[in-house]
Amino acid sequence: MAFKCTEPAVPTLQQDDEAVRITRWDFAPGAATGWHRHGWPYFVVLVTDAVLRLHDGTNETSVTLKAGQSYGRPSGVEHDVANGSPHPIAFVEIEIKRPDLLPR
């Protein structure tokens, strides 16, 4: 279910409070997050251009994204994410724990 990789992606927690968890993920070429499930809805914003390899437990897909692009997913998503680029990549993941506590 998880990618075979030479090293794990490196998470750097930037904020974790009642409302959100914000984590920057840095990936060497071929690095992966490891199999995980998201307990909250989340958004990802690319810091670098990237080819993301995604494994959902059954299928593997690749998607090419540009720095600054973003996407969101609902809670409950299970997957492994790997760097399919020939260079290091990074993205910021924003998990929404309590939308009612976010500033308006």
N, C-alpha and C. Protein backbone atom coordinates (compact mmCIF):
# COMPACT_ATOMS: atom_id res chain seq x y z
N MET A 1 0.80 -1.20 0.00
CA MET A 1 0.00 0.00 0.00
C MET A 1 0.84 1.26 0.00
N ALA A 2 2.07 1.18 0.42
CA ALA A 2 2.92 2.36 0.45
C ALA A 2 4.00 2.22 -0.62
N PHE A 3 4.53 3.34 -1.06
CA PHE A 3 5.63 3.33 -2.01
C PHE A 3 6.90 2.82 -1.33
N LYS A 4 7.74 2.16 -2.10
CA LYS A 4 9.07 1.83 -1.62
C LYS A 4 9.94 3.04 -1.93
N CYS A 5 10.54 3.61 -0.91
CA CYS A 5 11.35 4.80 -1.13
C CYS A 5 12.63 4.69 -0.32
N THR A 6 13.62 5.46 -0.71
CA THR A 6 14.90 5.42 -0.03
C THR A 6 14.90 6.27 1.24
N GLU A 7 14.01 7.23 1.32
CA GLU A 7 13.92 8.07 2.51
C GLU A 7 12.53 8.66 2.63
N PRO A 8 12.11 8.96 3.85
CA PRO A 8 10.77 9.54 4.02
C PRO A 8 10.77 11.04 3.70
N ALA A 9 9.60 11.54 3.32
CA ALA A 9 9.41 12.98 3.21
C ALA A 9 9.54 13.57 4.61
N VAL A 10 9.93 14.85 4.67
CA VAL A 10 10.18 15.49 5.96
C VAL A 10 9.08 16.50 6.26
N PRO A 11 8.27 16.23 7.31
CA PRO A 11 7.25 17.20 7.70
C PRO A 11 7.81 18.21 8.69
N THR A 12 7.44 19.47 8.50
CA THR A 12 7.80 20.53 9.44
C THR A 12 6.50 21.19 9.87
N LEU A 13 6.12 20.98 11.12
CA LEU A 13 4.89 21.56 11.64
C LEU A 13 5.06 23.06 11.78
N GLN A 14 4.16 23.82 11.14
CA GLN A 14 4.24 25.28 11.20
C GLN A 14 3.22 25.87 12.15
N GLN A 15 2.08 25.22 12.29
CA GLN A 15 1.04 25.68 13.22
C GLN A 15 0.16 24.50 13.55
N ASP A 16 -0.25 24.40 14.82
CA ASP A 16 -1.17 23.35 15.24
C ASP A 16 -1.96 23.88 16.42
N ASP A 17 -3.20 24.26 16.16
CA ASP A 17 -4.06 24.77 17.21
C ASP A 17 -5.44 24.12 17.10
N GLU A 18 -6.42 24.66 17.79
CA GLU A 18 -7.75 24.07 17.76
C GLU A 18 -8.40 24.11 16.39
N ALA A 19 -8.04 25.10 15.56
CA ALA A 19 -8.71 25.32 14.27
C ALA A 19 -8.02 24.62 13.11
N VAL A 20 -6.68 24.68 13.05
CA VAL A 20 -5.95 24.16 11.88
C VAL A 20 -4.64 23.49 12.29
N ARG A 21 -4.16 22.64 11.39
CA ARG A 21 -2.78 22.14 11.46
C ARG A 21 -2.15 22.46 10.11
N ILE A 22 -1.02 23.17 10.13
CA ILE A 22 -0.32 23.53 8.90
C ILE A 22 1.06 22.88 8.94
N THR A 23 1.34 22.09 7.90
CA THR A 23 2.59 21.35 7.83
C THR A 23 3.24 21.57 6.47
N ARG A 24 4.52 21.89 6.47
CA ARG A 24 5.29 21.94 5.22
C ARG A 24 5.92 20.56 5.05
N TRP A 25 5.77 20.01 3.84
CA TRP A 25 6.37 18.72 3.50
C TRP A 25 7.47 18.93 2.47
N ASP A 26 8.68 18.43 2.76
CA ASP A 26 9.81 18.49 1.84
C ASP A 26 10.18 17.07 1.43
N PHE A 27 10.34 16.87 0.12
CA PHE A 27 10.60 15.56 -0.45
C PHE A 27 11.87 15.59 -1.29
N ALA A 28 12.81 14.71 -0.99
CA ALA A 28 13.92 14.46 -1.91
C ALA A 28 13.33 13.66 -3.08
N PRO A 29 14.03 13.56 -4.19
CA PRO A 29 13.52 12.72 -5.28
C PRO A 29 13.25 11.29 -4.78
N GLY A 30 12.05 10.80 -5.05
CA GLY A 30 11.66 9.45 -4.64
C GLY A 30 11.15 9.32 -3.21
N ALA A 31 11.26 10.36 -2.40
CA ALA A 31 10.78 10.30 -1.02
C ALA A 31 9.25 10.24 -0.99
N ALA A 32 8.71 9.65 0.10
CA ALA A 32 7.25 9.50 0.23
C ALA A 32 6.81 9.80 1.66
N THR A 33 5.53 10.13 1.80
CA THR A 33 4.97 10.42 3.12
C THR A 33 4.77 9.16 3.94
N GLY A 34 4.51 8.05 3.28
CA GLY A 34 4.07 6.84 3.98
C GLY A 34 2.55 6.82 4.01
N TRP A 35 1.99 5.62 4.11
CA TRP A 35 0.54 5.43 4.10
C TRP A 35 -0.09 6.16 5.27
N HIS A 36 -1.13 6.95 5.02
CA HIS A 36 -1.80 7.69 6.09
C HIS A 36 -3.24 8.01 5.71
N ARG A 37 -4.03 8.38 6.72
CA ARG A 37 -5.42 8.79 6.54
C ARG A 37 -5.59 10.19 7.12
N HIS A 38 -6.31 11.02 6.37
CA HIS A 38 -6.59 12.39 6.83
C HIS A 38 -7.87 12.40 7.67
N GLY A 39 -7.73 12.88 8.89
CA GLY A 39 -8.87 12.96 9.80
C GLY A 39 -9.71 14.21 9.61
N TRP A 40 -9.19 15.17 8.86
CA TRP A 40 -9.88 16.43 8.61
C TRP A 40 -9.81 16.77 7.13
N PRO A 41 -10.72 17.61 6.63
CA PRO A 41 -10.57 18.12 5.27
C PRO A 41 -9.25 18.90 5.20
N TYR A 42 -8.64 18.92 4.02
CA TYR A 42 -7.34 19.59 3.92
C TYR A 42 -7.14 20.20 2.54
N PHE A 43 -6.21 21.14 2.51
CA PHE A 43 -5.78 21.80 1.28
C PHE A 43 -4.27 21.67 1.17
N VAL A 44 -3.77 21.58 -0.06
CA VAL A 44 -2.35 21.50 -0.33
C VAL A 44 -2.00 22.65 -1.28
N VAL A 45 -0.92 23.38 -0.96
CA VAL A 45 -0.42 24.45 -1.81
C VAL A 45 1.02 24.11 -2.17
N LEU A 46 1.30 24.00 -3.48
CA LEU A 46 2.64 23.65 -3.93
C LEU A 46 3.60 24.81 -3.76
N VAL A 47 4.76 24.55 -3.19
CA VAL A 47 5.82 25.55 -3.05
C VAL A 47 6.71 25.50 -4.28
N THR A 48 6.86 24.32 -4.86
CA THR A 48 7.70 24.10 -6.03
C THR A 48 6.88 23.42 -7.12
N ASP A 49 7.36 23.47 -8.34
CA ASP A 49 6.79 22.62 -9.39
C ASP A 49 7.02 21.17 -8.96
N ALA A 50 6.06 20.30 -9.27
CA ALA A 50 6.19 18.92 -8.79
C ALA A 50 5.40 17.94 -9.63
N VAL A 51 5.91 16.73 -9.67
CA VAL A 51 5.13 15.58 -10.12
C VAL A 51 4.86 14.77 -8.86
N LEU A 52 3.59 14.70 -8.46
CA LEU A 52 3.20 13.91 -7.29
C LEU A 52 2.74 12.54 -7.74
N ARG A 53 3.29 11.51 -7.14
CA ARG A 53 2.81 10.15 -7.35
C ARG A 53 1.90 9.82 -6.19
N LEU A 54 0.69 9.38 -6.48
CA LEU A 54 -0.32 9.11 -5.46
C LEU A 54 -0.72 7.65 -5.51
N HIS A 55 -0.79 7.00 -4.35
CA HIS A 55 -1.22 5.61 -4.28
C HIS A 55 -2.39 5.55 -3.31
N ASP A 56 -3.54 5.02 -3.77
CA ASP A 56 -4.74 4.94 -2.93
C ASP A 56 -4.96 3.56 -2.33
N GLY A 57 -3.97 2.70 -2.42
CA GLY A 57 -4.10 1.34 -1.93
C GLY A 57 -4.38 0.35 -3.03
N THR A 58 -4.90 0.85 -4.14
CA THR A 58 -5.19 0.02 -5.31
C THR A 58 -4.49 0.54 -6.54
N ASN A 59 -4.64 1.83 -6.79
CA ASN A 59 -4.12 2.44 -8.02
C ASN A 59 -3.04 3.47 -7.72
N GLU A 60 -2.10 3.57 -8.64
CA GLU A 60 -1.09 4.62 -8.58
C GLU A 60 -1.34 5.59 -9.74
N THR A 61 -1.35 6.88 -9.42
CA THR A 61 -1.50 7.91 -10.44
C THR A 61 -0.41 8.96 -10.24
N SER A 62 -0.18 9.75 -11.28
CA SER A 62 0.76 10.87 -11.19
C SER A 62 0.05 12.12 -11.65
N VAL A 63 0.37 13.23 -11.00
CA VAL A 63 -0.19 14.51 -11.38
C VAL A 63 0.94 15.55 -11.37
N THR A 64 0.96 16.39 -12.40
CA THR A 64 1.96 17.44 -12.50
C THR A 64 1.33 18.76 -12.07
N LEU A 65 1.96 19.42 -11.11
CA LEU A 65 1.46 20.68 -10.57
C LEU A 65 2.56 21.73 -10.59
N LYS A 66 2.16 22.98 -10.68
CA LYS A 66 3.09 24.11 -10.69
C LYS A 66 3.11 24.77 -9.32
N ALA A 67 4.23 25.40 -8.99
CA ALA A 67 4.34 26.17 -7.75
C ALA A 67 3.18 27.14 -7.66
N GLY A 68 2.54 27.21 -6.50
CA GLY A 68 1.40 28.10 -6.29
C GLY A 68 0.06 27.44 -6.52
N GLN A 69 0.01 26.33 -7.26
CA GLN A 69 -1.26 25.62 -7.45
C GLN A 69 -1.69 25.00 -6.14
N SER A 70 -3.00 24.79 -6.00
CA SER A 70 -3.52 24.18 -4.79
C SER A 70 -4.66 23.23 -5.14
N TYR A 71 -4.97 22.36 -4.18
CA TYR A 71 -6.12 21.47 -4.31
C TYR A 71 -6.59 21.10 -2.91
N GLY A 72 -7.81 20.64 -2.79
CA GLY A 72 -8.37 20.25 -1.51
C GLY A 72 -8.98 18.86 -1.58
N ARG A 73 -9.07 18.22 -0.43
CA ARG A 73 -9.65 16.88 -0.32
C ARG A 73 -10.48 16.80 0.96
N PRO A 74 -11.48 15.91 0.98
CA PRO A 74 -12.30 15.74 2.19
C PRO A 74 -11.58 14.91 3.24
N SER A 75 -12.11 14.88 4.45
CA SER A 75 -11.57 14.01 5.48
C SER A 75 -11.78 12.56 5.07
N GLY A 76 -10.97 11.68 5.65
CA GLY A 76 -11.11 10.25 5.38
C GLY A 76 -10.25 9.74 4.24
N VAL A 77 -9.59 10.63 3.49
CA VAL A 77 -8.74 10.20 2.37
C VAL A 77 -7.56 9.39 2.92
N GLU A 78 -7.34 8.21 2.32
CA GLU A 78 -6.20 7.36 2.66
C GLU A 78 -5.30 7.27 1.44
N HIS A 79 -4.00 7.48 1.65
CA HIS A 79 -3.08 7.42 0.52
C HIS A 79 -1.63 7.50 0.96
N ASP A 80 -0.75 7.34 -0.01
CA ASP A 80 0.68 7.60 0.13
C ASP A 80 1.03 8.56 -0.99
N VAL A 81 1.89 9.52 -0.71
CA VAL A 81 2.29 10.52 -1.70
C VAL A 81 3.80 10.47 -1.84
N ALA A 82 4.29 10.39 -3.08
CA ALA A 82 5.73 10.35 -3.34
C ALA A 82 6.11 11.41 -4.35
N ASN A 83 7.37 11.81 -4.31
CA ASN A 83 7.92 12.75 -5.27
C ASN A 83 8.30 12.00 -6.54
N GLY A 84 7.61 12.27 -7.62
CA GLY A 84 7.92 11.69 -8.91
C GLY A 84 8.79 12.58 -9.77
N SER A 85 9.25 13.69 -9.20
CA SER A 85 10.10 14.65 -9.92
C SER A 85 11.57 14.25 -9.79
N PRO A 86 12.41 14.70 -10.71
CA PRO A 86 13.84 14.41 -10.61
C PRO A 86 14.57 15.38 -9.67
N HIS A 87 13.83 16.28 -9.02
CA HIS A 87 14.41 17.30 -8.14
C HIS A 87 13.61 17.33 -6.83
N PRO A 88 14.16 17.95 -5.78
CA PRO A 88 13.40 18.08 -4.53
C PRO A 88 12.14 18.91 -4.75
N ILE A 89 11.09 18.58 -4.00
CA ILE A 89 9.83 19.33 -4.07
C ILE A 89 9.35 19.65 -2.66
N ALA A 90 8.38 20.56 -2.59
CA ALA A 90 7.79 20.92 -1.29
C ALA A 90 6.35 21.39 -1.51
N PHE A 91 5.52 21.11 -0.50
CA PHE A 91 4.18 21.70 -0.46
C PHE A 91 3.79 21.96 0.98
N VAL A 92 2.80 22.82 1.14
CA VAL A 92 2.23 23.13 2.45
C VAL A 92 0.84 22.51 2.51
N GLU A 93 0.59 21.75 3.57
CA GLU A 93 -0.69 21.09 3.78
C GLU A 93 -1.42 21.81 4.92
N ILE A 94 -2.68 22.18 4.68
CA ILE A 94 -3.48 22.90 5.67
C ILE A 94 -4.69 22.04 6.00
N GLU A 95 -4.70 21.46 7.20
CA GLU A 95 -5.81 20.63 7.64
C GLU A 95 -6.77 21.47 8.47
N ILE A 96 -8.05 21.41 8.14
CA ILE A 96 -9.07 22.23 8.80
C ILE A 96 -9.75 21.40 9.90
N LYS A 97 -9.38 21.66 11.16
CA LYS A 97 -9.93 20.91 12.28
C LYS A 97 -11.30 21.45 12.70
N ARG A 98 -11.38 22.76 12.82
CA ARG A 98 -12.59 23.42 13.30
C ARG A 98 -12.85 24.67 12.48
N PRO A 99 -13.61 24.56 11.37
CA PRO A 99 -13.85 25.74 10.55
C PRO A 99 -14.58 26.86 11.30
N ASP A 100 -15.34 26.50 12.31
CA ASP A 100 -16.07 27.51 13.07
C ASP A 100 -15.15 28.41 13.88
N LEU A 101 -13.88 28.00 14.07
CA LEU A 101 -12.94 28.82 14.83
C LEU A 101 -12.03 29.67 13.96
N LEU A 102 -12.14 29.52 12.64
CA LEU A 102 -11.29 30.30 11.74
C LEU A 102 -11.72 31.76 11.72
N PRO A 103 -10.75 32.68 11.58
CA PRO A 103 -11.12 34.10 11.48
C PRO A 103 -11.98 34.34 10.25
N ARG A 104 -12.87 35.30 10.35
CA ARG A 104 -13.75 35.63 9.22
C ARG A 104 -13.40 36.96 8.64
